[in-house]
Every structure is written in structure tokens, then in C-alpha cells.
Amino acid sequence: MELLNFDDTGYGDELLAGVFITIRLALLSFLLALILGVVLGFVALAKNRLLQAFWRTYASVFMGVPSILIVFFLYFNAPGLLKSAFNLRVDVTPFVAGVSALAIVYAAYIGEAVRGAVLNIPRGQWDAAHALGLKNLSMWWLVILPQIWRIALPGVTNIWMTTLKDTALVSLVGLTDLVRMADIAAAATQEPFLFYVVAGLVFVVFSGLTMAGSVRLERWAFRGQQKTKG
């Protein structure tokens, strides 16, 4: 266990630094995916044919192509494409490529979750809101959005957990995240079992915290709602 010391004799400090990078990568990726995904969800519901075609194309591409290929594409090709198209010299770091790729990919999944949530709201809810004389903004804010939140929450929680796991892919382009630091430590010490188990346990802790947080969020989201039996 000396190999996990937080000094020159161990890799504890390097692993901890990797943990913080992983957390930053996951949080920023998911936040951007959430914002873009909500927009895409409403694009998917639009009656405009061009918007529908855009959504179908976006969802087909980014739900179908493996995330690692999107990471590779952005990291290795984005600088050249930006220079050719806009004459911009942009240094795409592994962190930027990872955040961008994960956000783009998981925005498609969040968009589908939002679309499904809206479609699952009973038609009677819309009719009741109109019958009460609520204007569109009030109807969405008071009636529709709270129900979208409740319906989409379990799916969005799963998307967060998948995003968190997929941060490990970014280590393949050189990001010194938790998995990359575990690789380095394992190669230097010839103790792969120890460091990969530690990295795995960290992700298990993240998963446990997510599940605990999701339970609290669901309780808050369904506060005041009568539970049904059966």
C-alpha cells in the first residue's frame, strides 16, 4: 500500500489529481450536454420538416458512432478543419476534445429523454391548463416542465452515469485523468492490479453517490405527489 502514499514514494497524489480532472471533465461535459440536449429535445418535437430532418440525422450519427471515434475526430481533425474553414488557429487539448465529444454525443440521448418525457405527458394535462386560462409561458412553467422533470429524471441520471464512465475514453488522447494516471502508475511499478482496482473503486464510489443523489432528487421532484400502489 506504500505505492498509494501521497509523497515521492507513492502515486496517491497523482491519482487524486486524476480524480479531480475526471470530475471536471464529467461535470462540464454533462452540463453542456444537458443544455444542448434540452434544445434538441424541443427541436425533435417541432413540426418543421427541416428541424425534424436535422434531429433524425443528429440522433442517428451521434447515437450510432462510438464515443471514442468522436473524441479521436475532434482531437486530431478539429484544428485542421477550423483552420481550413475559418482560418482559425485553435489548439484543441485532450480536455477540450473530451468535453466537446462527450457533450455532443450525450446531448442526443438527453434530447431523446426530453422528447419522450413531453410525449408521455397526458393530453388531459394540456387541455386542463388551457381550460384554466393559462397562457403558454405559465402553462409550461407551472404544468408541463415539472412533469417533464419527473418523467425524464431517471433517464437523465443514467445518462450522467454513462457520461462519467466514458470520461475514461479521453485518456486515450493523453488526458491525465484517473484512468491515465492509473495506467502510468501501473506501468512504472508493474502493479496493474492495485492501481486498476483503485481506479475502479473510485468509479464505484461515484456511482454510489450518484444513486444516493438521484434518490433525493426523485423525492424532491415528487414532493406533494400521491404515491400509487400496485
Protein backbone atom coordinates (compact mmCIF):
# COMPACT_ATOMS: atom_id res chain seq x y z
CA MET A 1 0.00 0.00 0.00
CA GLU A 2 3.06 2.25 0.13
CA LEU A 3 2.54 2.75 -3.59
CA LEU A 4 -0.55 4.81 -2.73
CA ASN A 5 1.31 7.20 -0.42
CA PHE A 6 0.91 10.93 -1.02
CA ASP A 7 4.64 11.59 -1.30
CA ASP A 8 7.57 10.77 -3.56
CA THR A 9 7.33 7.07 -2.69
CA GLY A 10 3.78 6.62 -3.95
CA TYR A 11 1.25 7.67 -6.57
CA GLY A 12 -1.55 8.82 -4.27
CA ASP A 13 -1.19 12.49 -5.17
CA GLU A 14 -1.10 11.75 -8.90
CA LEU A 15 -4.21 9.59 -8.66
CA LEU A 16 -6.01 12.28 -6.65
CA ALA A 17 -5.13 14.88 -9.28
CA GLY A 18 -6.53 12.49 -11.89
CA VAL A 19 -9.75 12.15 -9.89
CA PHE A 20 -10.28 15.91 -9.92
CA ILE A 21 -9.64 16.08 -13.67
CA THR A 22 -12.15 13.25 -14.21
CA ILE A 23 -14.76 15.08 -12.12
CA ARG A 24 -14.20 18.34 -14.00
CA LEU A 25 -14.43 16.56 -17.34
CA ALA A 26 -17.63 14.73 -16.40
CA LEU A 27 -19.39 17.75 -14.88
CA LEU A 28 -18.58 20.14 -17.71
CA SER A 29 -19.43 17.58 -20.40
CA PHE A 30 -22.75 16.75 -18.77
CA LEU A 31 -23.69 20.39 -18.20
CA LEU A 32 -23.11 21.23 -21.86
CA ALA A 33 -24.90 18.04 -22.93
CA LEU A 34 -27.86 18.95 -20.72
CA ILE A 35 -28.18 22.44 -22.20
CA LEU A 36 -27.79 21.25 -25.79
CA GLY A 37 -29.96 18.20 -25.14
CA VAL A 38 -32.91 20.24 -23.89
CA VAL A 39 -32.72 22.37 -27.04
CA LEU A 40 -32.51 19.26 -29.20
CA GLY A 41 -35.45 17.73 -27.39
CA PHE A 42 -37.68 20.60 -28.43
CA VAL A 43 -36.20 20.59 -31.93
CA ALA A 44 -37.26 16.93 -32.14
CA LEU A 45 -40.82 17.93 -31.24
CA ALA A 46 -41.01 20.67 -33.86
CA LYS A 47 -43.38 20.20 -36.78
CA ASN A 48 -40.95 21.80 -39.21
CA ARG A 49 -39.62 19.20 -41.64
CA LEU A 50 -36.13 20.67 -41.76
CA LEU A 51 -35.84 20.61 -37.97
CA GLN A 52 -37.17 17.05 -37.91
CA ALA A 53 -34.61 16.02 -40.51
CA PHE A 54 -31.84 17.72 -38.55
CA TRP A 55 -32.84 15.89 -35.36
CA ARG A 56 -33.05 12.50 -37.04
CA THR A 57 -29.64 12.99 -38.64
CA TYR A 58 -28.04 14.22 -35.41
CA ALA A 59 -29.50 11.39 -33.34
CA SER A 60 -28.58 8.73 -35.90
CA VAL A 61 -24.98 9.90 -36.15
CA PHE A 62 -24.16 10.52 -32.51
CA MET A 63 -26.15 7.62 -31.09
CA GLY A 64 -24.66 5.29 -33.68
CA VAL A 65 -20.98 6.26 -33.78
CA PRO A 66 -18.86 5.10 -30.81
CA SER A 67 -17.93 7.95 -28.48
CA ILE A 68 -14.21 7.23 -28.78
CA LEU A 69 -14.33 7.91 -32.53
CA ILE A 70 -15.87 11.33 -31.86
CA VAL A 71 -13.09 12.03 -29.34
CA PHE A 72 -10.44 11.00 -31.89
CA PHE A 73 -12.07 13.01 -34.67
CA LEU A 74 -12.22 16.23 -32.65
CA TYR A 75 -8.75 15.87 -31.17
CA PHE A 76 -6.92 15.04 -34.38
CA ASN A 77 -9.05 16.81 -37.01
CA ALA A 78 -10.78 19.82 -35.42
CA PRO A 79 -7.71 22.12 -35.57
CA GLY A 80 -7.23 21.44 -39.28
CA LEU A 81 -10.92 21.85 -40.07
CA LEU A 82 -11.14 25.15 -38.19
CA LYS A 83 -8.05 26.44 -39.96
CA SER A 84 -9.36 25.42 -43.39
CA ALA A 85 -12.90 26.70 -42.88
CA PHE A 86 -12.34 29.86 -40.83
CA ASN A 87 -8.57 30.40 -40.94
CA LEU A 88 -8.51 29.99 -37.15
CA ARG A 89 -5.56 28.51 -35.29
CA VAL A 90 -7.09 26.67 -32.35
CA ASP A 91 -5.20 24.35 -30.04
CA VAL A 92 -7.58 21.52 -29.20
CA THR A 93 -6.31 19.98 -25.97
CA PRO A 94 -7.32 16.50 -24.82
CA PHE A 95 -9.60 18.10 -22.21
CA VAL A 96 -11.36 20.32 -24.76
CA ALA A 97 -11.74 17.43 -27.20
CA GLY A 98 -13.13 15.22 -24.44
CA VAL A 99 -15.62 17.77 -23.17
CA SER A 100 -16.79 18.61 -26.68
CA ALA A 101 -17.13 14.99 -27.78
CA LEU A 102 -18.99 13.77 -24.70
CA ALA A 103 -21.27 16.82 -24.73
CA ILE A 104 -22.14 16.35 -28.40
CA VAL A 105 -22.77 12.61 -28.01
CA TYR A 106 -24.82 12.67 -24.83
CA ALA A 107 -26.84 15.70 -25.90
CA ALA A 108 -28.51 13.31 -28.35
CA TYR A 109 -29.52 10.96 -25.54
CA ILE A 110 -30.77 13.80 -23.34
CA GLY A 111 -32.70 15.20 -26.30
CA GLU A 112 -34.42 11.83 -26.73
CA ALA A 113 -35.20 11.71 -22.99
CA VAL A 114 -36.76 15.18 -23.14
CA ARG A 115 -38.73 14.32 -26.27
CA GLY A 116 -40.04 11.14 -24.69
CA ALA A 117 -40.97 12.95 -21.48
CA VAL A 118 -43.03 15.55 -23.34
CA LEU A 119 -44.81 12.88 -25.39
CA ASN A 120 -45.66 10.94 -22.22
CA ILE A 121 -47.50 13.84 -20.61
CA PRO A 122 -51.22 13.00 -20.81
CA ARG A 123 -53.18 15.14 -23.26
CA GLY A 124 -55.59 15.97 -20.46
CA GLN A 125 -52.87 17.98 -18.71
CA TRP A 126 -52.57 20.29 -21.70
CA ASP A 127 -56.34 20.60 -22.01
CA ALA A 128 -56.73 21.34 -18.29
CA ALA A 129 -54.09 24.07 -18.46
CA HIS A 130 -55.88 25.69 -21.40
CA ALA A 131 -59.23 25.35 -19.61
CA LEU A 132 -57.81 27.24 -16.64
CA GLY A 133 -56.90 30.08 -18.97
CA LEU A 134 -53.15 29.71 -18.52
CA LYS A 135 -51.03 31.42 -21.13
CA ASN A 136 -48.34 29.40 -22.88
CA LEU A 137 -45.48 30.58 -20.64
CA SER A 138 -47.44 29.93 -17.45
CA MET A 139 -48.64 26.57 -18.75
CA TRP A 140 -45.12 25.41 -19.50
CA TRP A 141 -43.65 26.74 -16.26
CA LEU A 142 -46.39 25.57 -13.88
CA VAL A 143 -47.75 22.42 -15.52
CA ILE A 144 -45.55 20.95 -18.24
CA LEU A 145 -41.95 21.50 -17.12
CA PRO A 146 -42.43 19.95 -13.64
CA GLN A 147 -43.81 16.82 -15.30
CA ILE A 148 -41.00 16.71 -17.86
CA TRP A 149 -38.55 16.88 -14.94
CA ARG A 150 -40.22 13.98 -13.13
CA ILE A 151 -40.52 11.75 -16.19
CA ALA A 152 -37.03 12.42 -17.58
CA LEU A 153 -35.11 12.31 -14.28
CA PRO A 154 -34.37 8.54 -14.17
CA GLY A 155 -33.18 8.52 -17.77
CA VAL A 156 -31.06 11.63 -17.33
CA THR A 157 -29.48 10.09 -14.22
CA ASN A 158 -28.47 7.05 -16.27
CA ILE A 159 -27.02 9.33 -18.95
CA TRP A 160 -24.94 11.11 -16.29
CA MET A 161 -23.54 7.78 -15.06
CA THR A 162 -22.68 6.72 -18.61
CA THR A 163 -21.01 10.08 -19.27
CA LEU A 164 -18.96 9.65 -16.11
CA LYS A 165 -17.77 6.20 -17.21
CA ASP A 166 -16.98 7.40 -20.72
CA THR A 167 -14.55 10.01 -19.38
CA ALA A 168 -12.08 7.12 -19.29
CA LEU A 169 -12.02 7.16 -23.10
CA VAL A 170 -10.38 10.59 -23.14
CA SER A 171 -7.26 9.10 -21.53
CA LEU A 172 -6.56 7.56 -24.96
CA VAL A 173 -5.70 11.00 -26.37
CA GLY A 174 -3.41 11.87 -23.47
CA LEU A 175 -5.63 13.47 -20.83
CA THR A 176 -4.08 12.80 -17.42
CA ASP A 177 -7.33 11.76 -15.79
CA LEU A 178 -7.79 9.00 -13.22
CA VAL A 179 -7.52 6.16 -15.74
CA ARG A 180 -4.44 7.65 -17.41
CA MET A 181 -2.69 8.12 -14.06
CA ALA A 182 -3.57 4.53 -13.12
CA ASP A 183 -2.00 3.41 -16.43
CA ILE A 184 1.17 5.38 -15.73
CA ALA A 185 1.46 4.11 -12.16
CA ALA A 186 0.79 0.52 -13.22
CA ALA A 187 3.46 0.66 -15.93
CA ALA A 188 6.04 2.26 -13.62
CA THR A 189 5.52 -0.13 -10.70
CA GLN A 190 4.45 -3.31 -12.51
CA GLU A 191 1.42 -3.42 -10.19
CA PRO A 192 -1.53 -3.12 -12.58
CA PHE A 193 -3.94 -4.99 -10.29
CA LEU A 194 -3.56 -2.48 -7.46
CA PHE A 195 -3.96 0.68 -9.50
CA TYR A 196 -6.77 -0.55 -11.72
CA VAL A 197 -8.70 -1.79 -8.69
CA VAL A 198 -8.24 1.62 -7.03
CA ALA A 199 -9.44 3.39 -10.19
CA GLY A 200 -12.42 1.04 -10.41
CA LEU A 201 -13.32 1.62 -6.77
CA VAL A 202 -13.30 5.38 -7.34
CA PHE A 203 -15.85 4.95 -10.13
CA VAL A 204 -17.91 2.71 -7.85
CA VAL A 205 -17.92 5.50 -5.25
CA PHE A 206 -19.01 7.98 -7.93
CA SER A 207 -21.81 5.60 -8.91
CA GLY A 208 -22.93 5.19 -5.31
CA LEU A 209 -23.00 8.94 -4.75
CA THR A 210 -24.99 9.36 -7.96
CA MET A 211 -27.57 6.78 -6.89
CA ALA A 212 -27.92 8.38 -3.46
CA GLY A 213 -28.27 11.81 -5.04
CA SER A 214 -30.82 10.58 -7.57
CA VAL A 215 -33.00 9.15 -4.78
CA ARG A 216 -33.02 12.54 -3.07
CA LEU A 217 -33.75 14.32 -6.34
CA GLU A 218 -36.66 11.99 -7.07
CA ARG A 219 -38.10 12.56 -3.61
CA TRP A 220 -37.83 16.32 -4.16
CA ALA A 221 -39.29 16.09 -7.68
CA PHE A 222 -42.27 14.06 -6.49
CA ARG A 223 -42.90 16.04 -3.32
CA GLY A 224 -46.60 16.62 -2.81
CA GLN A 225 -47.47 13.84 -5.27
CA GLN A 226 -49.68 11.00 -4.08
CA LYS A 227 -48.00 7.63 -4.45
CA THR A 228 -49.95 4.88 -6.13
CA LYS A 229 -49.85 1.26 -5.06
CA GLY A 230 -49.65 -1.76 -7.30
